[in-house]
Amino acid sequence: MQALSDRHYRALAEFRYQLRRFLRRSEEAARATGLEPQQHQLLLAIRGLPEGREPTIGELAERLQLQHHSLVGLIDRLERRGLVRRERAAADRRRVHVYLTEEGERAWREPSVLHWQELQSIGPDLVRALQRIVAPASRRHEGRHAISQPPNQGDDATAG
């Protein structure tokens, strides 16, 4: 494994800073509407699930990067608040799908709009920070997933 240069560390630190900045504001927006951040994330994950994906416990756990039991606890809390409902899958009764209720539809909107607006504001800084990391590797490995490749000592991590 190659060592990182000071420029690489600065690029990584800037990216983490910009990412954390967005996440902090996202958490504040969720709390301002009466939701815990993970609750909003789950509502958004259900609402924003890619086409062709089913809102199963496993899929949602992956989307939120949670363990199965942690997600079930989160779903339990949202179900008690009337924001989600569970349904057994028609084709396979062992599978449980999670859906937003009407109240859940209303609950995710306001913080999501605030998140979208926030990204319009700080998004360019976040993109620039990521480009400082990805651009040198992209030039080296056109057509490959650049971020997974370790940098060479000569890469300009602050270009962009």
N, C-alpha and C. Protein backbone atom coordinates (compact mmCIF):
# COMPACT_ATOMS: atom_id res chain seq x y z
N MET A 1 0.84 -1.18 0.00
CA MET A 1 0.00 0.00 0.00
C MET A 1 0.89 1.24 0.00
N GLN A 2 0.55 2.17 -0.87
CA GLN A 2 1.34 3.40 -0.96
C GLN A 2 0.90 4.40 0.10
N ALA A 3 1.87 5.17 0.57
CA ALA A 3 1.58 6.20 1.57
C ALA A 3 0.87 7.38 0.91
N LEU A 4 0.07 8.07 1.68
CA LEU A 4 -0.59 9.27 1.18
C LEU A 4 0.28 10.48 1.45
N SER A 5 0.22 11.44 0.57
CA SER A 5 0.96 12.69 0.76
C SER A 5 0.11 13.64 1.60
N ASP A 6 0.72 14.72 2.03
CA ASP A 6 -0.01 15.74 2.78
C ASP A 6 -1.18 16.29 1.97
N ARG A 7 -1.00 16.43 0.67
CA ARG A 7 -2.09 16.93 -0.18
C ARG A 7 -3.26 15.95 -0.20
N HIS A 8 -2.95 14.66 -0.18
CA HIS A 8 -4.03 13.67 -0.13
C HIS A 8 -4.79 13.76 1.19
N TYR A 9 -4.04 13.90 2.28
CA TYR A 9 -4.70 14.03 3.59
C TYR A 9 -5.58 15.28 3.63
N ARG A 10 -5.08 16.38 3.07
CA ARG A 10 -5.89 17.61 3.04
C ARG A 10 -7.15 17.41 2.20
N ALA A 11 -7.01 16.73 1.06
CA ALA A 11 -8.17 16.47 0.20
C ALA A 11 -9.19 15.59 0.92
N LEU A 12 -8.71 14.55 1.60
CA LEU A 12 -9.62 13.68 2.36
C LEU A 12 -10.29 14.44 3.49
N ALA A 13 -9.52 15.25 4.19
CA ALA A 13 -10.07 16.02 5.31
C ALA A 13 -11.13 17.01 4.82
N GLU A 14 -10.87 17.65 3.70
CA GLU A 14 -11.84 18.61 3.16
C GLU A 14 -13.12 17.90 2.73
N PHE A 15 -12.98 16.75 2.09
CA PHE A 15 -14.17 15.99 1.69
C PHE A 15 -14.98 15.59 2.92
N ARG A 16 -14.31 15.05 3.94
CA ARG A 16 -15.02 14.65 5.17
C ARG A 16 -15.69 15.86 5.83
N TYR A 17 -15.01 17.01 5.81
CA TYR A 17 -15.59 18.23 6.38
C TYR A 17 -16.87 18.62 5.64
N GLN A 18 -16.81 18.66 4.31
CA GLN A 18 -17.98 19.05 3.53
C GLN A 18 -19.12 18.05 3.70
N LEU A 19 -18.79 16.77 3.74
CA LEU A 19 -19.80 15.74 3.93
C LEU A 19 -20.44 15.87 5.32
N ARG A 20 -19.62 16.06 6.33
CA ARG A 20 -20.13 16.20 7.70
C ARG A 20 -20.97 17.46 7.84
N ARG A 21 -20.56 18.52 7.16
CA ARG A 21 -21.32 19.78 7.17
C ARG A 21 -22.74 19.54 6.66
N PHE A 22 -22.85 18.82 5.54
CA PHE A 22 -24.18 18.51 5.01
C PHE A 22 -24.95 17.62 5.98
N LEU A 23 -24.31 16.58 6.49
CA LEU A 23 -24.99 15.65 7.39
C LEU A 23 -25.49 16.35 8.66
N ARG A 24 -24.69 17.26 9.21
CA ARG A 24 -25.12 17.99 10.41
C ARG A 24 -26.36 18.81 10.12
N ARG A 25 -26.36 19.51 9.00
CA ARG A 25 -27.53 20.32 8.64
C ARG A 25 -28.73 19.44 8.34
N SER A 26 -28.48 18.29 7.76
CA SER A 26 -29.54 17.33 7.48
C SER A 26 -30.17 16.84 8.79
N GLU A 27 -29.32 16.53 9.76
CA GLU A 27 -29.81 16.09 11.06
C GLU A 27 -30.64 17.18 11.73
N GLU A 28 -30.17 18.42 11.65
CA GLU A 28 -30.90 19.54 12.23
C GLU A 28 -32.26 19.71 11.57
N ALA A 29 -32.31 19.57 10.25
CA ALA A 29 -33.58 19.72 9.52
C ALA A 29 -34.57 18.64 9.94
N ALA A 30 -34.10 17.42 10.10
CA ALA A 30 -34.98 16.33 10.53
C ALA A 30 -35.52 16.61 11.93
N ARG A 31 -34.63 16.97 12.85
CA ARG A 31 -35.05 17.23 14.23
C ARG A 31 -36.02 18.40 14.32
N ALA A 32 -35.83 19.41 13.48
CA ALA A 32 -36.72 20.57 13.49
C ALA A 32 -38.14 20.20 13.10
N THR A 33 -38.31 19.08 12.42
CA THR A 33 -39.65 18.64 12.01
C THR A 33 -40.18 17.52 12.90
N GLY A 34 -39.46 17.23 14.00
CA GLY A 34 -39.93 16.22 14.94
C GLY A 34 -39.48 14.81 14.64
N LEU A 35 -38.56 14.64 13.72
CA LEU A 35 -38.03 13.31 13.39
C LEU A 35 -36.59 13.20 13.85
N GLU A 36 -36.21 12.02 14.27
CA GLU A 36 -34.80 11.75 14.48
C GLU A 36 -34.17 11.54 13.10
N PRO A 37 -32.89 11.86 12.93
CA PRO A 37 -32.26 11.73 11.61
C PRO A 37 -32.44 10.35 10.98
N GLN A 38 -32.27 9.28 11.75
CA GLN A 38 -32.45 7.94 11.17
C GLN A 38 -33.89 7.69 10.76
N GLN A 39 -34.83 8.29 11.47
CA GLN A 39 -36.23 8.12 11.09
C GLN A 39 -36.48 8.76 9.73
N HIS A 40 -35.95 9.97 9.55
CA HIS A 40 -36.11 10.63 8.25
C HIS A 40 -35.40 9.84 7.17
N GLN A 41 -34.21 9.33 7.46
CA GLN A 41 -33.47 8.55 6.47
C GLN A 41 -34.27 7.34 6.02
N LEU A 42 -34.94 6.68 6.96
CA LEU A 42 -35.74 5.52 6.59
C LEU A 42 -36.93 5.92 5.73
N LEU A 43 -37.62 6.99 6.11
CA LEU A 43 -38.76 7.45 5.31
C LEU A 43 -38.30 7.80 3.90
N LEU A 44 -37.18 8.50 3.80
CA LEU A 44 -36.65 8.87 2.49
C LEU A 44 -36.20 7.64 1.70
N ALA A 45 -35.60 6.68 2.38
CA ALA A 45 -35.16 5.45 1.70
C ALA A 45 -36.36 4.70 1.12
N ILE A 46 -37.45 4.66 1.86
CA ILE A 46 -38.66 3.99 1.35
C ILE A 46 -39.19 4.76 0.16
N ARG A 47 -39.31 6.07 0.31
CA ARG A 47 -39.89 6.91 -0.75
C ARG A 47 -38.99 6.98 -1.98
N GLY A 48 -37.69 6.96 -1.78
CA GLY A 48 -36.75 7.12 -2.89
C GLY A 48 -36.12 5.84 -3.38
N LEU A 49 -36.70 4.71 -3.03
CA LEU A 49 -36.15 3.42 -3.45
C LEU A 49 -36.08 3.35 -4.98
N PRO A 50 -34.95 2.92 -5.53
CA PRO A 50 -34.84 2.82 -6.99
C PRO A 50 -35.91 1.90 -7.58
N GLU A 51 -36.30 2.21 -8.79
CA GLU A 51 -37.29 1.37 -9.49
C GLU A 51 -36.82 -0.07 -9.51
N GLY A 52 -37.78 -0.97 -9.34
CA GLY A 52 -37.47 -2.39 -9.38
C GLY A 52 -37.01 -2.97 -8.05
N ARG A 53 -36.77 -2.11 -7.06
CA ARG A 53 -36.36 -2.59 -5.73
C ARG A 53 -37.59 -2.66 -4.84
N GLU A 54 -37.62 -3.65 -3.98
CA GLU A 54 -38.75 -3.82 -3.06
C GLU A 54 -38.37 -3.30 -1.68
N PRO A 55 -39.32 -2.66 -0.99
CA PRO A 55 -39.02 -2.09 0.33
C PRO A 55 -39.01 -3.16 1.44
N THR A 56 -38.12 -4.13 1.29
CA THR A 56 -38.00 -5.19 2.29
C THR A 56 -37.09 -4.73 3.42
N ILE A 57 -37.15 -5.45 4.51
CA ILE A 57 -36.28 -5.15 5.65
C ILE A 57 -34.81 -5.23 5.21
N GLY A 58 -34.46 -6.25 4.47
CA GLY A 58 -33.07 -6.41 4.02
C GLY A 58 -32.61 -5.27 3.12
N GLU A 59 -33.45 -4.90 2.17
CA GLU A 59 -33.10 -3.80 1.25
C GLU A 59 -32.94 -2.49 2.02
N LEU A 60 -33.87 -2.21 2.92
CA LEU A 60 -33.81 -0.96 3.68
C LEU A 60 -32.64 -0.96 4.65
N ALA A 61 -32.33 -2.11 5.24
CA ALA A 61 -31.16 -2.20 6.12
C ALA A 61 -29.89 -1.88 5.34
N GLU A 62 -29.79 -2.38 4.13
CA GLU A 62 -28.64 -2.08 3.27
C GLU A 62 -28.59 -0.59 2.95
N ARG A 63 -29.72 -0.02 2.58
CA ARG A 63 -29.77 1.40 2.22
C ARG A 63 -29.34 2.30 3.37
N LEU A 64 -29.71 1.92 4.60
CA LEU A 64 -29.36 2.73 5.76
C LEU A 64 -28.07 2.27 6.42
N GLN A 65 -27.50 1.17 5.91
CA GLN A 65 -26.28 0.59 6.48
C GLN A 65 -26.48 0.26 7.96
N LEU A 66 -27.61 -0.41 8.24
CA LEU A 66 -27.95 -0.84 9.59
C LEU A 66 -28.04 -2.35 9.65
N GLN A 67 -27.85 -2.89 10.83
CA GLN A 67 -28.08 -4.30 11.06
C GLN A 67 -29.59 -4.55 11.04
N HIS A 68 -29.97 -5.75 10.67
CA HIS A 68 -31.38 -6.12 10.58
C HIS A 68 -32.15 -5.75 11.85
N HIS A 69 -31.63 -6.15 13.01
CA HIS A 69 -32.35 -5.90 14.27
C HIS A 69 -32.47 -4.41 14.56
N SER A 70 -31.48 -3.62 14.19
CA SER A 70 -31.54 -2.17 14.41
C SER A 70 -32.62 -1.55 13.54
N LEU A 71 -32.71 -2.00 12.29
CA LEU A 71 -33.74 -1.47 11.40
C LEU A 71 -35.13 -1.86 11.89
N VAL A 72 -35.29 -3.08 12.37
CA VAL A 72 -36.60 -3.52 12.88
C VAL A 72 -37.03 -2.62 14.03
N GLY A 73 -36.11 -2.28 14.92
CA GLY A 73 -36.43 -1.36 16.03
C GLY A 73 -36.85 0.01 15.53
N LEU A 74 -36.16 0.49 14.51
CA LEU A 74 -36.50 1.79 13.91
C LEU A 74 -37.89 1.73 13.27
N ILE A 75 -38.16 0.66 12.56
CA ILE A 75 -39.49 0.49 11.94
C ILE A 75 -40.56 0.40 13.02
N ASP A 76 -40.29 -0.31 14.11
CA ASP A 76 -41.24 -0.40 15.22
C ASP A 76 -41.62 0.99 15.72
N ARG A 77 -40.62 1.84 15.93
CA ARG A 77 -40.88 3.20 16.44
C ARG A 77 -41.71 4.01 15.45
N LEU A 78 -41.37 3.91 14.17
CA LEU A 78 -42.13 4.67 13.16
C LEU A 78 -43.54 4.11 12.98
N GLU A 79 -43.68 2.82 13.14
CA GLU A 79 -45.00 2.20 13.04
C GLU A 79 -45.89 2.68 14.19
N ARG A 80 -45.33 2.76 15.40
CA ARG A 80 -46.09 3.26 16.55
C ARG A 80 -46.54 4.70 16.35
N ARG A 81 -45.75 5.47 15.62
CA ARG A 81 -46.10 6.87 15.32
C ARG A 81 -47.06 6.98 14.14
N GLY A 82 -47.34 5.88 13.48
CA GLY A 82 -48.25 5.88 12.35
C GLY A 82 -47.63 6.37 11.06
N LEU A 83 -46.30 6.29 10.95
CA LEU A 83 -45.61 6.80 9.76
C LEU A 83 -45.32 5.72 8.73
N VAL A 84 -45.25 4.47 9.16
CA VAL A 84 -45.02 3.35 8.24
C VAL A 84 -45.97 2.21 8.61
N ARG A 85 -46.13 1.31 7.66
CA ARG A 85 -46.89 0.09 7.91
C ARG A 85 -46.15 -1.07 7.26
N ARG A 86 -46.31 -2.24 7.84
CA ARG A 86 -45.69 -3.45 7.31
C ARG A 86 -46.75 -4.29 6.63
N GLU A 87 -46.33 -4.97 5.57
CA GLU A 87 -47.22 -5.88 4.85
C GLU A 87 -46.43 -7.10 4.43
N ARG A 88 -47.02 -8.24 4.56
CA ARG A 88 -46.39 -9.46 4.04
C ARG A 88 -46.47 -9.43 2.52
N ALA A 89 -45.40 -9.85 1.87
CA ALA A 89 -45.38 -9.91 0.41
C ALA A 89 -46.37 -10.97 -0.06
N ALA A 90 -47.10 -10.66 -1.11
CA ALA A 90 -48.11 -11.59 -1.63
C ALA A 90 -47.45 -12.86 -2.16
N ALA A 91 -46.35 -12.72 -2.87
CA ALA A 91 -45.70 -13.87 -3.51
C ALA A 91 -44.95 -14.75 -2.51
N ASP A 92 -44.43 -14.15 -1.45
CA ASP A 92 -43.64 -14.89 -0.47
C ASP A 92 -43.99 -14.34 0.91
N ARG A 93 -44.84 -15.00 1.63
CA ARG A 93 -45.34 -14.51 2.91
C ARG A 93 -44.25 -14.36 3.97
N ARG A 94 -43.07 -14.92 3.72
CA ARG A 94 -41.97 -14.75 4.67
C ARG A 94 -41.37 -13.36 4.58
N ARG A 95 -41.55 -12.71 3.44
CA ARG A 95 -40.96 -11.39 3.22
C ARG A 95 -41.92 -10.31 3.70
N VAL A 96 -41.35 -9.30 4.34
CA VAL A 96 -42.14 -8.18 4.84
C VAL A 96 -41.73 -6.93 4.09
N HIS A 97 -42.71 -6.22 3.59
CA HIS A 97 -42.48 -4.93 2.93
C HIS A 97 -42.87 -3.82 3.89
N VAL A 98 -42.19 -2.69 3.77
CA VAL A 98 -42.47 -1.53 4.62
C VAL A 98 -42.89 -0.39 3.71
N TYR A 99 -44.03 0.21 4.02
CA TYR A 99 -44.58 1.29 3.20
C TYR A 99 -44.84 2.52 4.06
N LEU A 100 -44.81 3.67 3.42
CA LEU A 100 -45.19 4.91 4.10
C LEU A 100 -46.71 4.97 4.22
N THR A 101 -47.17 5.49 5.34
CA THR A 101 -48.58 5.81 5.49
C THR A 101 -48.78 7.24 4.95
N GLU A 102 -50.01 7.71 4.92
CA GLU A 102 -50.25 9.10 4.50
C GLU A 102 -49.49 10.05 5.41
N GLU A 103 -49.51 9.77 6.71
CA GLU A 103 -48.78 10.60 7.67
C GLU A 103 -47.27 10.53 7.40
N GLY A 104 -46.77 9.36 7.07
CA GLY A 104 -45.36 9.20 6.73
C GLY A 104 -44.99 9.97 5.48
N GLU A 105 -45.89 9.99 4.49
CA GLU A 105 -45.67 10.79 3.27
C GLU A 105 -45.49 12.26 3.62
N ARG A 106 -46.31 12.75 4.53
CA ARG A 106 -46.20 14.16 4.93
C ARG A 106 -44.92 14.41 5.72
N ALA A 107 -44.57 13.46 6.58
CA ALA A 107 -43.44 13.65 7.50
C ALA A 107 -42.10 13.77 6.79
N TRP A 108 -41.87 13.05 5.70
CA TRP A 108 -40.55 13.07 5.06
C TRP A 108 -40.36 14.30 4.19
N ARG A 109 -41.45 14.94 3.77
CA ARG A 109 -41.34 16.01 2.77
C ARG A 109 -40.54 17.22 3.24
N GLU A 110 -40.90 17.80 4.37
CA GLU A 110 -40.25 19.04 4.78
C GLU A 110 -38.75 18.89 4.96
N PRO A 111 -38.28 17.89 5.73
CA PRO A 111 -36.82 17.78 5.84
C PRO A 111 -36.15 17.46 4.51
N SER A 112 -36.83 16.73 3.64
CA SER A 112 -36.24 16.41 2.33
C SER A 112 -36.10 17.66 1.48
N VAL A 113 -37.10 18.53 1.52
CA VAL A 113 -37.00 19.80 0.78
C VAL A 113 -35.84 20.62 1.34
N LEU A 114 -35.72 20.66 2.66
CA LEU A 114 -34.61 21.40 3.27
C LEU A 114 -33.27 20.79 2.87
N HIS A 115 -33.18 19.46 2.81
CA HIS A 115 -31.94 18.80 2.37
C HIS A 115 -31.61 19.18 0.94
N TRP A 116 -32.62 19.16 0.09
CA TRP A 116 -32.41 19.51 -1.32
C TRP A 116 -31.89 20.94 -1.44
N GLN A 117 -32.51 21.85 -0.71
CA GLN A 117 -32.08 23.25 -0.74
C GLN A 117 -30.65 23.38 -0.22
N GLU A 118 -30.35 22.65 0.83
CA GLU A 118 -29.00 22.69 1.39
C GLU A 118 -27.97 22.19 0.38
N LEU A 119 -28.30 21.13 -0.33
CA LEU A 119 -27.38 20.62 -1.35
C LEU A 119 -27.19 21.62 -2.48
N GLN A 120 -28.23 22.39 -2.79
CA GLN A 120 -28.07 23.43 -3.81
C GLN A 120 -27.07 24.48 -3.34
N SER A 121 -27.03 24.69 -2.03
CA SER A 121 -26.13 25.69 -1.46
C SER A 121 -24.70 25.15 -1.29
N ILE A 122 -24.55 24.03 -0.58
CA ILE A 122 -23.20 23.54 -0.29
C ILE A 122 -22.75 22.44 -1.24
N GLY A 123 -23.63 22.00 -2.11
CA GLY A 123 -23.29 20.94 -3.06
C GLY A 123 -22.04 21.20 -3.87
N PRO A 124 -21.89 22.42 -4.43
CA PRO A 124 -20.69 22.68 -5.22
C PRO A 124 -19.39 22.49 -4.42
N ASP A 125 -19.39 22.88 -3.14
CA ASP A 125 -18.20 22.67 -2.31
C ASP A 125 -17.94 21.18 -2.10
N LEU A 126 -19.00 20.42 -1.91
CA LEU A 126 -18.89 18.97 -1.73
C LEU A 126 -18.36 18.31 -3.00
N VAL A 127 -18.88 18.74 -4.14
CA VAL A 127 -18.42 18.19 -5.43
C VAL A 127 -16.95 18.51 -5.66
N ARG A 128 -16.55 19.76 -5.40
CA ARG A 128 -15.14 20.14 -5.57
C ARG A 128 -14.24 19.30 -4.68
N ALA A 129 -14.66 19.09 -3.44
CA ALA A 129 -13.85 18.29 -2.51
C ALA A 129 -13.70 16.86 -3.02
N LEU A 130 -14.77 16.29 -3.53
CA LEU A 130 -14.70 14.93 -4.07
C LEU A 130 -13.86 14.89 -5.35
N GLN A 131 -13.99 15.90 -6.18
CA GLN A 131 -13.20 15.94 -7.42
C GLN A 131 -11.70 15.97 -7.12
N ARG A 132 -11.31 16.62 -6.04
CA ARG A 132 -9.88 16.65 -5.68
C ARG A 132 -9.35 15.25 -5.41
N ILE A 133 -10.21 14.38 -4.96
CA ILE A 133 -9.81 13.01 -4.67
C ILE A 133 -9.90 12.15 -5.92
N VAL A 134 -10.97 12.30 -6.67
CA VAL A 134 -11.27 11.42 -7.79
C VAL A 134 -10.55 11.81 -9.07
N ALA A 135 -10.39 13.09 -9.33
CA ALA A 135 -9.85 13.55 -10.62
C ALA A 135 -8.49 12.94 -10.96
N PRO A 136 -7.50 12.95 -10.06
CA PRO A 136 -6.21 12.36 -10.43
C PRO A 136 -6.32 10.88 -10.78
N ALA A 137 -7.08 10.15 -10.02
CA ALA A 137 -7.25 8.72 -10.30
C ALA A 137 -8.02 8.51 -11.59
N SER A 138 -8.98 9.39 -11.86
CA SER A 138 -9.76 9.28 -13.10
C SER A 138 -8.86 9.47 -14.32
N ARG A 139 -7.94 10.39 -14.21
CA ARG A 139 -7.01 10.61 -15.32
C ARG A 139 -6.14 9.39 -15.54
N ARG A 140 -5.74 8.73 -14.46
CA ARG A 140 -4.87 7.55 -14.53
C ARG A 140 -5.61 6.32 -15.02
N HIS A 141 -6.83 6.16 -14.59
CA HIS A 141 -7.58 4.92 -14.83
C HIS A 141 -8.90 5.22 -15.53
N GLU A 142 -8.83 5.81 -16.68
CA GLU A 142 -10.06 6.11 -17.40
C GLU A 142 -10.91 4.87 -17.54
N GLY A 143 -12.19 5.03 -17.23
CA GLY A 143 -13.12 3.93 -17.36
C GLY A 143 -13.19 3.01 -16.15
N ARG A 144 -12.35 3.24 -15.14
CA ARG A 144 -12.39 2.42 -13.92
C ARG A 144 -12.98 3.25 -12.79
N HIS A 145 -13.43 2.60 -11.76
CA HIS A 145 -13.98 3.28 -10.59
C HIS A 145 -12.80 3.88 -9.84
N ALA A 146 -12.55 5.16 -10.05
CA ALA A 146 -11.32 5.80 -9.62
C ALA A 146 -11.12 5.81 -8.11
N ILE A 147 -12.15 6.01 -7.35
CA ILE A 147 -11.97 6.20 -5.92
C ILE A 147 -11.43 4.96 -5.22
N SER A 148 -11.58 3.80 -5.82
CA SER A 148 -11.10 2.57 -5.18
C SER A 148 -9.61 2.36 -5.38
N GLN A 149 -8.97 3.15 -6.21
CA GLN A 149 -7.56 2.98 -6.48
C GLN A 149 -6.73 3.87 -5.56
N PRO A 150 -5.65 3.34 -4.96
CA PRO A 150 -4.81 4.18 -4.11
C PRO A 150 -4.05 5.19 -4.96
N PRO A 151 -3.82 6.38 -4.43
CA PRO A 151 -3.11 7.41 -5.20
C PRO A 151 -1.63 7.10 -5.32
N ASN A 152 -1.02 7.64 -6.35
CA ASN A 152 0.44 7.62 -6.48
C ASN A 152 0.97 8.87 -5.80
N GLN A 153 2.20 8.84 -5.39
CA GLN A 153 2.78 9.98 -4.70
C GLN A 153 2.72 11.26 -5.53
N GLY A 154 2.78 11.15 -6.84
CA GLY A 154 2.80 12.33 -7.68
C GLY A 154 1.43 12.90 -8.00
N ASP A 155 0.36 12.25 -7.60
CA ASP A 155 -0.98 12.76 -7.93
C ASP A 155 -1.22 14.10 -7.25
N ASP A 156 -1.87 14.96 -7.98
CA ASP A 156 -2.21 16.27 -7.44
C ASP A 156 -3.60 16.19 -6.81
N ALA A 157 -3.66 15.89 -5.54
CA ALA A 157 -4.94 15.70 -4.85
C ALA A 157 -5.70 17.00 -4.68
N THR A 158 -5.05 18.13 -4.92
CA THR A 158 -5.77 19.39 -4.74
C THR A 158 -6.13 20.03 -6.06
N ALA A 159 -5.89 19.37 -7.17
CA ALA A 159 -6.26 19.95 -8.47
C ALA A 159 -7.76 19.98 -8.60
N GLY A 160 -8.27 20.90 -9.34
CA GLY A 160 -9.70 20.92 -9.59
C GLY A 160 -10.26 22.17 -9.21
